[in-house]
Amino acid sequence: MDTVLRILIIEDVQDDVILIKHALKKDGIQFEMVQVDSQELFVNALQEYGPHVILSDHSLPQFNSMEALKICRKQGLNIPFILVTGTMSEEFAVSCLKLGADDYVLKLNLTRLSSAIVNALKQKKADSERKEAERALQRQNKELVKINEELDKFVYSVSHNLRAPLTSVLGLVNIGRLEDGKKDDSFQPLFDMMEKSIRKLDATLKEILDYSRNARSDINIEKVDLASIIQISLESSEFIEGYDQVKKEISVRNDEIAFYSDSHRLGAIFDDLISNAIRYRDIYKTQSRLAIEVEITESTMHIFFKDNGVGIAEELVPRIFEMFFRATEKSEGAGLGLYIVMEMTKKLSGTIEVQSIFGEGTAFHLIIPNVINKQIYDTQ
């Protein structure tokens, strides 16, 4: 050890101090030492001497090791504290270690003292580095939380503000379509393309808003009007190409049972799964179908979405809930829809499973808990 250690020793027997110094010098420890034998001298030495290590006899006439240890801990000092005493029972030694002593060495076995000091210093250094790393990590986490919150607010604001102009543009497209219809309809294909692009962008912005709201908004429990949710979701999907080509079959069992959950999140889940079934219908099949089956119980709601669309390749099924993942190049979306469905389902303390056969269709099964109070969401 190259550093000259500053050792503060609490000892009132000079011969013992000499023996301790001899043991340390014999092991090549470079040190300087200040000896104290009272509380007043000990407190002064802590402030003025700044020791690297404290060695303490257990019991002195006016002072003892436990009092010294309490002073160190009260002042928040991270200094190795080693008991060096004549006799000590194993029970007492354990109690001292529990109170914060780093080690103990019997005066009859001072050959252990050097290694005890070195090990204690290493341990304190490791503890200090770990605590500093933890503090640095906490600072970074706080900064990341702040950045994420600011980014979330920015995304929400931009997405929200962009949807209003899009609605205006869509209105102008419809006006242009009507005016063109009074003439020769020559621009109708262009208006169709414009409307399709606008609705595509609007759908993407809606997904971003849904994602942002899900992350930032608390659960809002209320009695769910399931019929209204399904009706609104179907109406909002009417503009999707192929909507009229998909036969919708809706079945709700036990709808007389009151169901409590977050209506907004349930609505967003229905929106996405219904629109997916329409977008990924199989145009080569005689009749495209979407069956929505709901069963309500006192404790849960089971929701099944079953379609006979294009299906998903087996190797891609495990990835469909990943953010920005698109199972087909034909997909025009941003790859957020099913990710948001998964996140919202988790937020509702529910589960979602998927089964799909490429070329035959896809089935989603959701289980959402029926709750009357917010206790189930306290851990969200």
Protein backbone atom coordinates (compact mmCIF):
# COMPACT_ATOMS: atom_id res chain seq x y z
CA MET A 1 0.00 0.00 0.00
CA ASP A 2 1.69 3.20 -1.20
CA THR A 3 -0.58 5.70 0.56
CA VAL A 4 0.43 6.80 4.04
CA LEU A 5 -2.55 5.88 6.18
CA ARG A 6 -3.81 8.26 8.81
CA ILE A 7 -4.85 6.01 11.66
CA LEU A 8 -6.88 7.27 14.60
CA ILE A 9 -6.59 4.88 17.54
CA ILE A 10 -8.77 4.91 20.65
CA GLU A 11 -6.53 3.34 23.29
CA ASP A 12 -5.39 4.21 26.81
CA VAL A 13 -2.66 1.58 27.22
CA GLN A 14 0.59 2.79 25.67
CA ASP A 15 2.14 -0.68 25.51
CA ASP A 16 -0.78 -1.87 23.35
CA VAL A 17 -0.28 1.08 21.01
CA ILE A 18 3.38 0.11 20.63
CA LEU A 19 2.43 -3.51 19.82
CA ILE A 20 -0.10 -2.37 17.22
CA LYS A 21 2.43 -0.07 15.55
CA HIS A 22 4.97 -2.88 15.48
CA ALA A 23 2.51 -5.28 13.85
CA LEU A 24 1.66 -2.78 11.13
CA LYS A 25 5.28 -1.88 10.41
CA LYS A 26 6.18 -5.55 10.24
CA ASP A 27 3.63 -6.00 7.44
CA GLY A 28 4.94 -2.98 5.53
CA ILE A 29 1.98 -0.71 6.20
CA GLN A 30 2.95 2.95 5.85
CA PHE A 31 1.04 4.99 8.40
CA GLU A 32 0.95 7.82 10.85
CA MET A 33 -1.10 7.58 14.02
CA VAL A 34 -2.97 9.82 16.43
CA GLN A 35 -3.94 8.35 19.81
CA VAL A 36 -6.97 9.50 21.84
CA ASP A 37 -8.62 8.19 25.01
CA SER A 38 -11.69 10.38 25.48
CA GLN A 39 -14.78 11.42 23.58
CA GLU A 40 -13.69 15.05 23.36
CA LEU A 41 -10.30 14.17 21.89
CA PHE A 42 -11.94 11.68 19.52
CA VAL A 43 -14.43 14.23 18.13
CA ASN A 44 -11.67 16.81 17.67
CA ALA A 45 -9.45 14.29 15.88
CA LEU A 46 -12.25 13.34 13.50
CA GLN A 47 -12.58 16.96 12.43
CA GLU A 48 -8.94 18.04 12.41
CA TYR A 49 -7.03 14.85 11.56
CA GLY A 50 -9.36 13.29 8.98
CA PRO A 51 -8.40 9.64 9.55
CA HIS A 52 -8.49 6.93 6.91
CA VAL A 53 -9.02 4.19 9.52
CA ILE A 54 -10.22 4.07 13.12
CA LEU A 55 -8.87 1.42 15.50
CA SER A 56 -10.66 1.20 18.82
CA ASP A 57 -10.23 -0.68 22.05
CA HIS A 58 -13.63 -1.68 23.31
CA SER A 59 -13.72 -0.21 26.79
CA LEU A 60 -11.83 2.74 28.23
CA PRO A 61 -12.44 4.39 31.60
CA GLN A 62 -14.13 7.46 30.04
CA PHE A 63 -15.11 6.18 26.60
CA ASN A 64 -15.90 3.01 24.64
CA SER A 65 -15.99 1.75 21.08
CA MET A 66 -19.78 1.73 20.73
CA GLU A 67 -20.00 5.42 21.65
CA ALA A 68 -17.26 6.18 19.13
CA LEU A 69 -19.05 4.16 16.46
CA LYS A 70 -22.32 5.99 17.07
CA ILE A 71 -20.54 9.34 16.71
CA CYS A 72 -19.11 8.26 13.34
CA ARG A 73 -22.45 7.07 12.05
CA LYS A 74 -24.25 10.18 13.33
CA GLN A 75 -21.79 12.37 11.42
CA GLY A 76 -22.26 10.22 8.31
CA LEU A 77 -18.58 9.27 8.15
CA ASN A 78 -17.70 6.36 5.90
CA ILE A 79 -14.46 5.48 7.70
CA PRO A 80 -13.44 1.86 8.36
CA PHE A 81 -13.95 1.12 12.07
CA ILE A 82 -12.07 -1.87 13.47
CA LEU A 83 -12.26 -3.10 17.05
CA VAL A 84 -8.90 -4.06 18.54
CA THR A 85 -9.52 -5.49 21.97
CA GLY A 86 -8.19 -7.97 24.49
CA THR A 87 -11.10 -10.36 24.83
CA MET A 88 -14.48 -10.53 23.12
CA SER A 89 -17.23 -13.12 22.99
CA GLU A 90 -18.50 -14.19 19.60
CA GLU A 91 -21.99 -12.89 20.45
CA PHE A 92 -20.62 -9.47 21.35
CA ALA A 93 -18.49 -9.37 18.21
CA VAL A 94 -21.55 -10.09 16.06
CA SER A 95 -23.52 -7.35 17.82
CA CYS A 96 -20.69 -4.87 17.16
CA LEU A 97 -20.63 -5.77 13.48
CA LYS A 98 -24.40 -5.30 13.30
CA LEU A 99 -24.00 -1.83 14.77
CA GLY A 100 -21.60 -0.88 11.99
CA ALA A 101 -18.11 -2.01 12.94
CA ASP A 102 -16.22 -3.31 9.91
CA ASP A 103 -14.14 -5.96 11.66
CA TYR A 104 -12.61 -6.96 14.97
CA VAL A 105 -9.12 -8.17 15.86
CA LEU A 106 -8.00 -9.64 19.17
CA LYS A 107 -4.83 -8.16 20.64
CA LEU A 108 -3.54 -11.70 21.03
CA ASN A 109 -3.72 -12.10 17.24
CA LEU A 110 -2.42 -8.83 15.79
CA THR A 111 -1.11 -10.66 12.72
CA ARG A 112 -4.66 -10.21 11.33
CA LEU A 113 -4.67 -6.45 11.82
CA SER A 114 -2.98 -5.42 8.57
CA SER A 115 -5.21 -7.60 6.40
CA ALA A 116 -8.27 -6.43 8.33
CA ILE A 117 -7.36 -2.79 7.60
CA VAL A 118 -6.64 -3.45 3.90
CA ASN A 119 -9.87 -5.41 3.44
CA ALA A 120 -11.93 -2.79 5.24
CA LEU A 121 -10.47 -0.02 3.08
CA LYS A 122 -11.19 -1.99 -0.09
CA GLN A 123 -14.75 -2.66 1.03
CA LYS A 124 -15.36 0.99 1.89
CA LYS A 125 -13.96 2.05 -1.47
CA ALA A 126 -16.20 -0.44 -3.25
CA ASP A 127 -19.21 0.74 -1.23
CA SER A 128 -18.45 4.38 -2.06
CA GLU A 129 -18.07 3.61 -5.77
CA ARG A 130 -21.32 1.63 -5.75
CA LYS A 131 -23.21 4.41 -3.99
CA GLU A 132 -21.81 6.99 -6.38
CA ALA A 133 -22.82 4.80 -9.31
CA GLU A 134 -26.31 4.50 -7.84
CA ARG A 135 -26.53 8.27 -7.40
CA ALA A 136 -25.35 8.80 -10.96
CA LEU A 137 -27.93 6.30 -12.19
CA GLN A 138 -30.66 8.05 -10.23
CA ARG A 139 -29.63 11.38 -11.74
CA GLN A 140 -29.68 9.86 -15.22
CA ASN A 141 -33.06 8.26 -14.58
CA LYS A 142 -34.51 11.57 -13.42
CA GLU A 143 -33.12 13.25 -16.52
CA LEU A 144 -34.53 10.51 -18.76
CA VAL A 145 -37.92 10.79 -17.09
CA LYS A 146 -37.86 14.54 -17.67
CA ILE A 147 -36.83 14.10 -21.32
CA ASN A 148 -39.50 11.44 -21.88
CA GLU A 149 -42.18 13.64 -20.32
CA GLU A 150 -41.15 16.59 -22.48
CA LEU A 151 -41.02 14.40 -25.59
CA ASP A 152 -44.41 12.93 -24.78
CA LYS A 153 -45.90 16.41 -24.37
CA PHE A 154 -44.31 17.48 -27.65
CA VAL A 155 -45.60 14.44 -29.56
CA TYR A 156 -49.06 14.87 -28.10
CA SER A 157 -49.16 18.58 -28.89
CA VAL A 158 -47.90 18.18 -32.46
CA SER A 159 -50.21 15.25 -33.21
CA HIS A 160 -53.21 17.01 -31.72
CA ASN A 161 -52.51 20.26 -33.53
CA LEU A 162 -51.97 18.53 -36.88
CA ARG A 163 -55.31 16.71 -36.83
CA ALA A 164 -57.32 19.94 -36.91
CA PRO A 165 -55.77 21.19 -40.20
CA LEU A 166 -56.20 17.72 -41.69
CA THR A 167 -59.90 17.85 -40.92
CA SER A 168 -60.10 21.21 -42.67
CA VAL A 169 -58.23 19.88 -45.71
CA LEU A 170 -60.55 16.88 -45.85
CA GLY A 171 -63.51 19.24 -45.79
CA LEU A 172 -62.05 21.19 -48.70
CA VAL A 173 -61.51 17.95 -50.63
CA ASN A 174 -65.17 17.06 -50.18
CA ILE A 175 -66.20 20.54 -51.36
CA GLY A 176 -63.97 20.14 -54.40
CA ARG A 177 -65.47 16.72 -55.05
CA LEU A 178 -68.99 18.18 -54.98
CA GLU A 179 -68.06 21.04 -57.31
CA ASP A 180 -66.37 18.64 -59.72
CA GLY A 181 -69.46 16.43 -59.62
CA LYS A 182 -71.48 19.30 -61.01
CA LYS A 183 -69.27 19.22 -64.11
CA ASP A 184 -67.69 16.11 -65.56
CA ASP A 185 -66.23 14.27 -62.52
CA SER A 186 -62.83 14.35 -64.21
CA PHE A 187 -61.02 15.03 -60.93
CA GLN A 188 -62.81 12.44 -58.81
CA PRO A 189 -59.89 9.95 -58.96
CA LEU A 190 -57.56 12.69 -57.72
CA PHE A 191 -59.94 13.58 -54.91
CA ASP A 192 -60.11 9.91 -53.97
CA MET A 193 -56.32 9.71 -53.77
CA MET A 194 -56.17 12.91 -51.73
CA GLU A 195 -58.80 11.67 -49.30
CA LYS A 196 -57.05 8.33 -48.92
CA SER A 197 -53.74 10.01 -48.13
CA ILE A 198 -55.33 12.42 -45.67
CA ARG A 199 -57.17 9.64 -43.85
CA LYS A 200 -54.00 7.56 -43.73
CA LEU A 201 -52.10 10.43 -42.12
CA ASP A 202 -55.00 11.11 -39.77
CA ALA A 203 -55.06 7.44 -38.72
CA THR A 204 -51.33 7.58 -37.96
CA LEU A 205 -51.76 10.75 -35.91
CA LYS A 206 -54.64 9.10 -34.04
CA GLU A 207 -52.40 6.13 -33.20
CA ILE A 208 -49.72 8.48 -31.89
CA LEU A 209 -52.32 10.29 -29.79
CA ASP A 210 -53.66 6.99 -28.46
CA TYR A 211 -50.15 5.91 -27.53
CA SER A 212 -49.45 9.22 -25.81
CA ARG A 213 -52.75 9.24 -23.94
CA ASN A 214 -52.29 5.67 -22.79
CA ALA A 215 -48.85 6.47 -21.40
CA ARG A 216 -49.75 9.74 -19.72
CA SER A 217 -53.39 9.28 -18.64
CA ASP A 218 -54.66 7.58 -15.52
CA ILE A 219 -57.22 4.82 -15.66
CA ASN A 220 -60.76 6.22 -15.75
CA ILE A 221 -63.16 3.60 -14.48
CA GLU A 222 -66.80 3.91 -15.41
CA LYS A 223 -69.72 1.76 -16.40
CA VAL A 224 -69.03 0.73 -19.98
CA ASP A 225 -71.62 1.13 -22.72
CA LEU A 226 -70.33 -1.70 -24.89
CA ALA A 227 -72.96 -1.33 -27.61
CA SER A 228 -72.00 2.33 -28.05
CA ILE A 229 -68.28 1.49 -28.18
CA ILE A 230 -68.81 -1.11 -30.89
CA GLN A 231 -71.12 1.16 -32.89
CA ILE A 232 -68.71 4.12 -32.76
CA SER A 233 -65.77 1.90 -33.76
CA LEU A 234 -67.69 0.53 -36.73
CA GLU A 235 -68.74 4.01 -37.83
CA SER A 236 -65.19 5.33 -37.57
CA SER A 237 -64.05 2.49 -39.85
CA GLU A 238 -66.56 3.20 -42.61
CA PHE A 239 -64.07 5.27 -44.61
CA ILE A 240 -61.59 2.36 -44.83
CA GLU A 241 -61.44 0.83 -48.28
CA GLY A 242 -63.30 -2.48 -48.29
CA TYR A 243 -65.50 -1.71 -45.29
CA ASP A 244 -68.69 -2.69 -47.13
CA GLN A 245 -67.08 -5.90 -48.38
CA VAL A 246 -66.63 -7.28 -44.86
CA LYS A 247 -69.61 -8.94 -43.22
CA LYS A 248 -69.71 -8.04 -39.53
CA GLU A 249 -71.19 -10.49 -37.07
CA ILE A 250 -71.54 -9.20 -33.51
CA SER A 251 -72.55 -11.28 -30.52
CA VAL A 252 -72.68 -10.10 -26.90
CA ARG A 253 -73.59 -12.55 -24.16
CA ASN A 254 -74.69 -11.55 -20.66
CA ASP A 255 -74.87 -7.86 -21.57
CA GLU A 256 -77.23 -7.37 -18.63
CA ILE A 257 -74.19 -7.68 -16.32
CA ALA A 258 -72.71 -4.28 -15.52
CA PHE A 259 -69.13 -3.99 -16.74
CA TYR A 260 -66.69 -1.42 -15.39
CA SER A 261 -63.47 -0.41 -17.09
CA ASP A 262 -61.88 2.44 -19.07
CA SER A 263 -64.21 3.19 -21.98
CA HIS A 264 -61.68 5.28 -23.91
CA ARG A 265 -59.04 2.55 -23.92
CA LEU A 266 -61.58 -0.13 -24.78
CA GLY A 267 -62.79 2.04 -27.66
CA ALA A 268 -59.25 2.44 -28.99
CA ILE A 269 -58.73 -1.34 -28.80
CA PHE A 270 -61.94 -1.98 -30.76
CA ASP A 271 -61.01 0.72 -33.30
CA ASP A 272 -57.69 -0.86 -34.11
CA LEU A 273 -58.74 -4.51 -34.23
CA ILE A 274 -61.79 -3.74 -36.37
CA SER A 275 -59.81 -1.57 -38.79
CA ASN A 276 -57.11 -4.26 -39.04
CA ALA A 277 -59.68 -6.89 -40.00
CA ILE A 278 -60.94 -4.62 -42.79
CA ARG A 279 -57.53 -3.55 -44.09
CA TYR A 280 -56.18 -7.10 -44.17
CA ARG A 281 -59.21 -8.82 -45.62
CA ASP A 282 -58.56 -11.41 -48.33
CA ILE A 283 -59.86 -9.83 -51.53
CA TYR A 284 -59.79 -13.22 -53.28
CA LYS A 285 -62.33 -14.79 -50.93
CA THR A 286 -66.00 -14.78 -51.86
CA GLN A 287 -67.04 -13.21 -48.57
CA SER A 288 -64.83 -11.46 -46.04
CA ARG A 289 -66.02 -11.84 -42.45
CA LEU A 290 -65.33 -10.32 -39.06
CA ALA A 291 -66.94 -11.90 -36.02
CA ILE A 292 -66.87 -9.97 -32.75
CA GLU A 293 -67.91 -12.12 -29.81
CA VAL A 294 -68.13 -10.73 -26.29
CA GLU A 295 -68.95 -12.58 -23.09
CA ILE A 296 -69.35 -10.61 -19.87
CA THR A 297 -69.10 -12.14 -16.41
CA GLU A 298 -69.03 -10.70 -12.91
CA SER A 299 -65.23 -10.75 -12.99
CA THR A 300 -64.12 -10.45 -16.62
CA MET A 301 -65.01 -9.64 -20.18
CA HIS A 302 -63.83 -12.02 -22.92
CA ILE A 303 -63.56 -10.40 -26.34
CA PHE A 304 -62.93 -12.38 -29.53
CA PHE A 305 -62.12 -10.82 -32.91
CA LYS A 306 -62.12 -13.48 -35.63
CA ASP A 307 -61.61 -12.78 -39.33
CA ASN A 308 -60.99 -14.82 -42.47
CA GLY A 309 -58.45 -12.38 -43.86
CA VAL A 310 -54.97 -12.88 -45.23
CA GLY A 311 -53.60 -14.15 -41.91
CA ILE A 312 -50.06 -13.83 -40.57
CA ALA A 313 -47.07 -16.04 -41.29
CA GLU A 314 -46.30 -18.31 -38.34
CA GLU A 315 -42.77 -16.98 -37.84
CA LEU A 316 -44.06 -13.39 -37.65
CA VAL A 317 -46.84 -13.93 -35.10
CA PRO A 318 -44.57 -13.50 -32.03
CA ARG A 319 -43.52 -10.05 -33.29
CA ILE A 320 -46.84 -8.45 -34.19
CA PHE A 321 -47.08 -6.56 -30.87
CA GLU A 322 -43.68 -4.91 -31.32
CA MET A 323 -43.57 -1.16 -31.88
CA PHE A 324 -43.28 -0.22 -35.57
CA PHE A 325 -43.42 -3.86 -36.70
CA ARG A 326 -45.37 -4.53 -39.89
CA ALA A 327 -46.11 -8.11 -40.85
CA THR A 328 -46.49 -7.35 -44.54
CA GLU A 329 -45.07 -4.90 -47.04
CA LYS A 330 -48.63 -4.16 -48.08
CA SER A 331 -49.23 -2.52 -44.71
CA GLU A 332 -49.69 1.22 -45.04
CA GLY A 333 -49.70 1.90 -41.30
CA ALA A 334 -46.90 3.00 -39.02
CA GLY A 335 -46.77 -0.32 -37.19
CA LEU A 336 -48.16 1.18 -33.98
CA GLY A 337 -51.67 -0.23 -33.88
CA LEU A 338 -51.18 -3.65 -32.31
CA TYR A 339 -48.42 -2.33 -30.07
CA ILE A 340 -50.90 0.21 -28.68
CA VAL A 341 -53.54 -2.51 -28.31
CA MET A 342 -51.09 -4.55 -26.24
CA GLU A 343 -50.06 -1.58 -24.08
CA MET A 344 -53.67 -0.54 -23.46
CA THR A 345 -54.62 -4.09 -22.59
CA LYS A 346 -51.79 -4.22 -20.06
CA LYS A 347 -52.91 -0.87 -18.66
CA LEU A 348 -56.32 -2.40 -18.08
CA SER A 349 -54.63 -5.34 -16.29
CA GLY A 350 -55.86 -7.57 -19.10
CA THR A 351 -54.32 -10.11 -21.45
CA ILE A 352 -54.35 -10.60 -25.21
CA GLU A 353 -53.58 -13.69 -27.27
CA VAL A 354 -53.45 -14.18 -31.02
CA GLN A 355 -53.80 -17.17 -33.30
CA SER A 356 -53.29 -16.84 -37.02
CA ILE A 357 -52.92 -19.09 -40.03
CA PHE A 358 -51.48 -17.55 -43.14
CA GLY A 359 -54.13 -17.52 -45.87
CA GLU A 360 -56.98 -18.45 -43.51
CA GLY A 361 -57.39 -15.65 -40.98
CA THR A 362 -56.59 -14.28 -37.55
CA ALA A 363 -58.23 -14.46 -34.12
CA PHE A 364 -57.55 -12.23 -31.12
CA HIS A 365 -58.72 -13.11 -27.63
CA LEU A 366 -58.71 -10.43 -24.94
CA ILE A 367 -59.58 -10.84 -21.27
CA ILE A 368 -60.33 -7.59 -19.45
CA PRO A 369 -61.13 -7.55 -15.70
CA ASN A 370 -64.47 -6.22 -14.53
CA VAL A 371 -63.77 -3.73 -11.73
CA ILE A 372 -65.91 -1.37 -9.71
CA ASN A 373 -63.06 0.41 -7.92
CA LYS A 374 -59.57 1.43 -8.88
CA GLN A 375 -57.67 -0.92 -6.58
CA ILE A 376 -56.75 -3.33 -9.34
CA TYR A 377 -54.91 -0.53 -11.18
CA ASP A 378 -52.95 0.82 -8.21
CA THR A 379 -49.79 -0.92 -9.44
CA GLN A 380 -50.04 0.45 -12.98
